Protein backbone atom coordinates (compact mmCIF):
# COMPACT_ATOMS: atom_id res chain seq x y z
CA MET A 1 76.04 -35.47 62.12
CA SER A 2 73.48 -38.12 61.27
CA VAL A 3 69.88 -38.32 60.13
CA VAL A 4 67.45 -38.02 63.04
CA ARG A 5 64.11 -39.84 62.97
CA GLU A 6 61.16 -38.70 65.07
CA ARG A 7 57.67 -40.18 65.24
CA VAL A 8 54.86 -37.77 64.31
CA ARG A 9 52.14 -38.57 66.82
CA SER A 10 49.70 -35.89 65.70
CA CYS A 11 49.34 -37.34 62.19
CA PHE A 12 46.20 -39.24 61.17
CA ALA A 13 48.38 -41.97 59.63
CA GLY A 14 49.84 -44.29 62.25
CA ASP A 15 53.28 -44.91 60.76
CA THR A 16 54.48 -41.37 60.15
CA TYR A 17 58.03 -40.26 60.85
CA LYS A 18 59.96 -37.06 60.32
CA TYR A 19 63.57 -37.41 59.13
CA SER A 20 65.80 -34.42 59.81
CA LEU A 21 68.80 -34.41 57.51
CA PRO A 22 72.19 -32.81 58.09
CA ARG A 23 72.15 -29.51 56.21
CA GLU A 24 75.07 -30.48 53.98
CA GLU A 25 73.28 -33.70 52.88
CA VAL A 26 69.84 -32.32 51.93
CA LEU A 27 70.42 -31.85 48.19
CA ALA A 28 72.29 -35.15 47.80
CA VAL A 29 69.46 -37.03 49.54
CA TRP A 30 66.83 -35.43 47.31
CA GLU A 31 68.89 -36.30 44.24
CA ARG A 32 68.97 -39.95 45.35
CA LEU A 33 65.22 -39.92 46.02
CA ALA A 34 64.53 -38.35 42.61
CA ARG A 35 66.68 -40.94 40.81
CA ARG A 36 64.83 -43.75 42.54
CA TYR A 37 61.24 -42.47 42.72
CA GLY A 38 61.04 -39.53 40.31
CA ARG A 39 61.07 -35.78 40.84
CA PRO A 40 58.96 -34.39 43.67
CA GLU A 41 56.03 -32.14 42.85
CA ARG A 42 55.66 -28.72 44.42
CA ALA A 43 52.17 -27.81 45.60
CA ALA A 44 50.92 -24.41 44.54
CA GLY A 45 50.51 -21.90 47.33
CA ALA A 46 52.24 -23.49 50.30
CA GLY A 47 55.19 -24.70 48.24
CA VAL A 48 55.29 -28.07 49.97
CA PHE A 49 57.15 -30.74 48.02
CA THR A 50 55.51 -34.16 47.71
CA LEU A 51 56.77 -37.42 46.30
CA GLU A 52 54.47 -40.42 46.06
CA THR A 53 55.53 -44.04 45.76
CA PRO A 54 53.51 -47.25 46.12
CA ASP A 55 54.84 -47.59 49.69
CA PHE A 56 55.19 -43.98 50.91
CA LEU A 57 54.10 -40.41 50.69
CA LEU A 58 57.01 -38.04 51.31
CA ARG A 59 56.48 -34.36 52.12
CA ALA A 60 58.91 -31.55 52.76
CA PRO A 61 58.78 -27.77 53.21
CA PRO A 62 60.21 -25.48 50.51
CA TRP A 63 63.70 -25.73 52.08
CA LEU A 64 63.43 -29.58 51.71
CA ASN A 65 64.19 -30.48 55.31
CA PRO A 66 62.86 -32.30 57.31
CA ILE A 67 61.19 -34.99 55.23
CA THR A 68 57.93 -36.39 56.60
CA VAL A 69 57.31 -39.97 55.51
CA LEU A 70 53.82 -41.46 55.69
CA ARG A 71 53.90 -45.21 55.22
CA ARG A 72 51.07 -46.54 53.09
CA ARG A 73 49.08 -49.59 54.04
CA GLY A 74 50.92 -52.65 52.79
CA CYS A 75 54.32 -50.96 52.87
CA ARG A 76 56.91 -53.65 52.33
CA PRO A 77 59.78 -54.01 54.84
CA GLU A 78 62.32 -54.04 51.99
CA ALA A 79 60.90 -50.74 50.71
CA LEU A 80 61.46 -49.19 54.13
CA GLU A 81 65.03 -50.53 54.22
CA GLU A 82 65.68 -49.04 50.79
CA LEU A 83 64.23 -45.67 51.82
CA HIS A 84 66.41 -45.62 54.94
CA SER A 85 69.43 -46.32 52.77
CA LEU A 86 68.53 -43.45 50.41
CA LEU A 87 68.00 -41.11 53.35
CA GLY A 88 71.21 -42.22 55.06
CA PHE A 89 69.27 -43.23 58.17
CA VAL A 90 70.77 -45.84 60.50
CA PHE A 91 69.07 -46.98 63.70
CA PRO A 92 71.08 -45.87 66.77
CA ALA A 93 71.91 -49.44 67.83
CA GLU A 94 73.43 -50.12 64.39
CA ARG A 95 75.57 -46.96 64.52
CA SER A 96 77.50 -48.18 67.56
CA ARG A 97 78.56 -51.48 65.97
């Protein structure tokens, strides 16, 4: 099973995507994200996890999946490539090669 990316059209930010991870990969992905960007913070009350970087805002429910990624203005293409690598996301056309 692979990571599935879905555009979030109802979000106020234009470049927002939801990444659904295979269940067996969730903890490993969050460990990679934490090593690269730091530990996520858990909001009081709702329990939503957030992780902020200069290029992204990542949010996840208490069970850590899916991860919603809001791209910040000025997000660098190489930052997006790195995030995709950390998430294990590959565009469908690249998978078939």
